[in-house]
Amino acid sequence: MDLERLDAYASGMSSGGRSDVSGVLRELRTAGFSPAEAAYVTTRVCGLTLAEAKTALFESDAWRDQHSAWSALHERLEG
């Protein structure tokens, strides 16, 4: 993960007044960021903890198509 690039992107989003979590996550998904990158940037832009950002990402409409794959992976890891 290129933290310099992510911090620069977060800075640009912050200066643009973005703080709506769902809007931020949608923009990051559209821009091609990975879930981990999106969680990182969301913490910076929206002032969330990492746990809050991960929960928001999992529950977001922008990443809804990944829910079943994430749930299956989580179940395999726990099992």
N, C-alpha and C. Protein backbone atom coordinates (compact mmCIF):
# COMPACT_ATOMS: atom_id res chain seq x y z
N MET A 1 0.85 -1.17 0.00
CA MET A 1 0.00 0.00 0.00
C MET A 1 0.90 1.24 0.00
N ASP A 2 0.63 2.14 -0.91
CA ASP A 2 1.39 3.38 -1.03
C ASP A 2 0.72 4.45 -0.17
N LEU A 3 1.20 4.58 1.06
CA LEU A 3 0.57 5.51 2.01
C LEU A 3 0.68 6.96 1.57
N GLU A 4 1.77 7.32 0.90
CA GLU A 4 1.90 8.69 0.40
C GLU A 4 0.78 9.02 -0.59
N ARG A 5 0.54 8.09 -1.51
CA ARG A 5 -0.53 8.28 -2.50
C ARG A 5 -1.89 8.35 -1.81
N LEU A 6 -2.11 7.47 -0.84
CA LEU A 6 -3.39 7.45 -0.14
C LEU A 6 -3.60 8.72 0.68
N ASP A 7 -2.54 9.18 1.35
CA ASP A 7 -2.65 10.41 2.13
C ASP A 7 -2.92 11.61 1.23
N ALA A 8 -2.29 11.63 0.05
CA ALA A 8 -2.52 12.73 -0.90
C ALA A 8 -3.96 12.70 -1.39
N TYR A 9 -4.48 11.51 -1.68
CA TYR A 9 -5.87 11.39 -2.13
C TYR A 9 -6.82 11.84 -1.02
N ALA A 10 -6.54 11.40 0.22
CA ALA A 10 -7.37 11.79 1.36
C ALA A 10 -7.34 13.30 1.56
N SER A 11 -6.18 13.90 1.40
CA SER A 11 -6.05 15.34 1.55
C SER A 11 -6.89 16.07 0.51
N GLY A 12 -6.86 15.57 -0.71
CA GLY A 12 -7.67 16.16 -1.78
C GLY A 12 -9.15 16.04 -1.50
N MET A 13 -9.57 14.89 -0.97
CA MET A 13 -10.98 14.71 -0.65
C MET A 13 -11.38 15.62 0.50
N SER A 14 -10.52 15.74 1.50
CA SER A 14 -10.82 16.58 2.66
C SER A 14 -10.93 18.04 2.26
N SER A 15 -10.03 18.48 1.40
CA SER A 15 -10.08 19.89 0.99
C SER A 15 -11.30 20.18 0.13
N GLY A 16 -11.86 19.13 -0.46
CA GLY A 16 -13.07 19.28 -1.25
C GLY A 16 -14.33 19.22 -0.40
N GLY A 17 -14.15 19.11 0.93
CA GLY A 17 -15.29 19.12 1.83
C GLY A 17 -16.01 17.79 1.96
N ARG A 18 -15.39 16.71 1.51
CA ARG A 18 -16.04 15.40 1.60
C ARG A 18 -15.96 14.86 3.01
N SER A 19 -17.11 14.50 3.58
CA SER A 19 -17.11 13.82 4.88
C SER A 19 -18.25 12.83 4.98
N ASP A 20 -19.09 12.78 3.96
CA ASP A 20 -20.19 11.81 3.91
C ASP A 20 -19.58 10.43 3.68
N VAL A 21 -19.68 9.55 4.66
CA VAL A 21 -19.01 8.26 4.60
C VAL A 21 -19.42 7.47 3.37
N SER A 22 -20.70 7.36 3.10
CA SER A 22 -21.13 6.57 1.94
C SER A 22 -20.64 7.18 0.64
N GLY A 23 -20.62 8.50 0.55
CA GLY A 23 -20.11 9.16 -0.64
C GLY A 23 -18.62 8.95 -0.82
N VAL A 24 -17.90 9.00 0.28
CA VAL A 24 -16.45 8.77 0.24
C VAL A 24 -16.17 7.35 -0.23
N LEU A 25 -16.86 6.39 0.35
CA LEU A 25 -16.64 4.99 -0.03
C LEU A 25 -17.01 4.74 -1.50
N ARG A 26 -18.07 5.36 -1.95
CA ARG A 26 -18.48 5.22 -3.35
C ARG A 26 -17.41 5.79 -4.29
N GLU A 27 -16.90 6.97 -3.94
CA GLU A 27 -15.86 7.58 -4.76
C GLU A 27 -14.60 6.71 -4.80
N LEU A 28 -14.21 6.18 -3.66
CA LEU A 28 -13.01 5.34 -3.59
C LEU A 28 -13.18 4.05 -4.40
N ARG A 29 -14.35 3.46 -4.33
CA ARG A 29 -14.61 2.23 -5.11
C ARG A 29 -14.57 2.55 -6.59
N THR A 30 -15.20 3.64 -6.99
CA THR A 30 -15.21 4.04 -8.40
C THR A 30 -13.79 4.33 -8.89
N ALA A 31 -12.95 4.88 -8.02
CA ALA A 31 -11.57 5.21 -8.39
C ALA A 31 -10.66 3.98 -8.41
N GLY A 32 -11.17 2.83 -8.00
CA GLY A 32 -10.40 1.59 -8.09
C GLY A 32 -9.56 1.24 -6.88
N PHE A 33 -9.84 1.87 -5.76
CA PHE A 33 -9.10 1.53 -4.55
C PHE A 33 -9.53 0.18 -4.01
N SER A 34 -8.60 -0.52 -3.35
CA SER A 34 -8.91 -1.80 -2.71
C SER A 34 -9.69 -1.52 -1.43
N PRO A 35 -10.32 -2.55 -0.86
CA PRO A 35 -11.02 -2.34 0.41
C PRO A 35 -10.09 -1.81 1.52
N ALA A 36 -8.88 -2.34 1.61
CA ALA A 36 -7.95 -1.88 2.64
C ALA A 36 -7.57 -0.41 2.42
N GLU A 37 -7.32 -0.05 1.17
CA GLU A 37 -7.01 1.34 0.85
C GLU A 37 -8.20 2.25 1.15
N ALA A 38 -9.39 1.79 0.80
CA ALA A 38 -10.60 2.58 1.04
C ALA A 38 -10.82 2.79 2.54
N ALA A 39 -10.58 1.76 3.33
CA ALA A 39 -10.73 1.90 4.78
C ALA A 39 -9.73 2.92 5.32
N TYR A 40 -8.50 2.85 4.84
CA TYR A 40 -7.46 3.78 5.29
C TYR A 40 -7.83 5.22 4.96
N VAL A 41 -8.21 5.47 3.72
CA VAL A 41 -8.56 6.83 3.30
C VAL A 41 -9.79 7.32 4.06
N THR A 42 -10.75 6.45 4.27
CA THR A 42 -11.98 6.83 4.99
C THR A 42 -11.67 7.26 6.42
N THR A 43 -10.70 6.61 7.06
CA THR A 43 -10.32 7.05 8.41
C THR A 43 -9.79 8.47 8.39
N ARG A 44 -9.04 8.79 7.35
CA ARG A 44 -8.43 10.11 7.25
C ARG A 44 -9.46 11.19 6.89
N VAL A 45 -10.34 10.88 5.97
CA VAL A 45 -11.29 11.87 5.46
C VAL A 45 -12.46 12.09 6.43
N CYS A 46 -12.95 11.00 7.00
CA CYS A 46 -14.17 11.08 7.82
C CYS A 46 -13.91 11.08 9.31
N GLY A 47 -12.65 10.89 9.72
CA GLY A 47 -12.33 10.91 11.15
C GLY A 47 -12.82 9.68 11.90
N LEU A 48 -12.95 8.57 11.20
CA LEU A 48 -13.40 7.33 11.83
C LEU A 48 -12.21 6.53 12.34
N THR A 49 -12.47 5.65 13.30
CA THR A 49 -11.45 4.68 13.68
C THR A 49 -11.37 3.64 12.56
N LEU A 50 -10.33 2.85 12.57
CA LEU A 50 -10.21 1.80 11.55
C LEU A 50 -11.37 0.82 11.66
N ALA A 51 -11.75 0.46 12.87
CA ALA A 51 -12.88 -0.46 13.05
C ALA A 51 -14.17 0.14 12.49
N GLU A 52 -14.40 1.42 12.73
CA GLU A 52 -15.59 2.09 12.21
C GLU A 52 -15.56 2.14 10.68
N ALA A 53 -14.39 2.43 10.12
CA ALA A 53 -14.26 2.50 8.66
C ALA A 53 -14.50 1.14 8.03
N LYS A 54 -13.97 0.08 8.63
CA LYS A 54 -14.17 -1.27 8.10
C LYS A 54 -15.64 -1.66 8.17
N THR A 55 -16.30 -1.33 9.25
CA THR A 55 -17.73 -1.63 9.38
C THR A 55 -18.53 -0.85 8.34
N ALA A 56 -18.22 0.42 8.18
CA ALA A 56 -18.92 1.25 7.19
C ALA A 56 -18.70 0.70 5.79
N LEU A 57 -17.48 0.28 5.49
CA LEU A 57 -17.17 -0.27 4.18
C LEU A 57 -17.98 -1.54 3.95
N PHE A 58 -18.01 -2.44 4.92
CA PHE A 58 -18.73 -3.69 4.78
C PHE A 58 -20.22 -3.45 4.59
N GLU A 59 -20.76 -2.45 5.26
CA GLU A 59 -22.20 -2.18 5.19
C GLU A 59 -22.59 -1.26 4.04
N SER A 60 -21.63 -0.73 3.32
CA SER A 60 -21.92 0.27 2.29
C SER A 60 -22.52 -0.33 1.02
N ASP A 61 -23.32 0.47 0.36
CA ASP A 61 -23.87 0.07 -0.94
C ASP A 61 -22.76 -0.06 -1.98
N ALA A 62 -21.73 0.78 -1.86
CA ALA A 62 -20.64 0.79 -2.83
C ALA A 62 -19.90 -0.55 -2.89
N TRP A 63 -19.85 -1.26 -1.80
CA TRP A 63 -19.11 -2.53 -1.73
C TRP A 63 -20.03 -3.73 -1.52
N ARG A 64 -21.33 -3.53 -1.66
CA ARG A 64 -22.32 -4.58 -1.40
C ARG A 64 -22.06 -5.86 -2.19
N ASP A 65 -21.56 -5.72 -3.41
CA ASP A 65 -21.33 -6.91 -4.24
C ASP A 65 -20.23 -7.82 -3.70
N GLN A 66 -19.46 -7.34 -2.74
CA GLN A 66 -18.38 -8.14 -2.14
C GLN A 66 -18.79 -8.85 -0.85
N HIS A 67 -19.96 -8.55 -0.33
CA HIS A 67 -20.38 -9.07 0.98
C HIS A 67 -20.32 -10.58 1.07
N SER A 68 -20.85 -11.29 0.10
CA SER A 68 -20.88 -12.75 0.21
C SER A 68 -19.48 -13.34 0.20
N ALA A 69 -18.59 -12.79 -0.61
CA ALA A 69 -17.21 -13.28 -0.65
C ALA A 69 -16.50 -13.00 0.68
N TRP A 70 -16.71 -11.80 1.23
CA TRP A 70 -16.09 -11.46 2.51
C TRP A 70 -16.64 -12.34 3.63
N SER A 71 -17.94 -12.59 3.62
CA SER A 71 -18.54 -13.43 4.65
C SER A 71 -18.02 -14.86 4.57
N ALA A 72 -17.90 -15.37 3.35
CA ALA A 72 -17.38 -16.73 3.17
C ALA A 72 -15.93 -16.82 3.66
N LEU A 73 -15.12 -15.83 3.33
CA LEU A 73 -13.73 -15.81 3.79
C LEU A 73 -13.67 -15.76 5.31
N HIS A 74 -14.48 -14.92 5.90
CA HIS A 74 -14.51 -14.77 7.36
C HIS A 74 -14.89 -16.09 8.02
N GLU A 75 -15.89 -16.77 7.47
CA GLU A 75 -16.32 -18.05 8.02
C GLU A 75 -15.21 -19.11 7.93
N ARG A 76 -14.50 -19.13 6.79
CA ARG A 76 -13.39 -20.09 6.63
C ARG A 76 -12.27 -19.79 7.62
N LEU A 77 -12.01 -18.52 7.85
CA LEU A 77 -10.95 -18.16 8.79
C LEU A 77 -11.31 -18.49 10.23
N GLU A 78 -12.58 -18.39 10.56
CA GLU A 78 -13.02 -18.70 11.93
C GLU A 78 -13.14 -20.20 12.15
N GLY A 79 -13.47 -20.92 11.07
CA GLY A 79 -13.80 -22.33 11.17
C GLY A 79 -12.68 -23.24 11.35
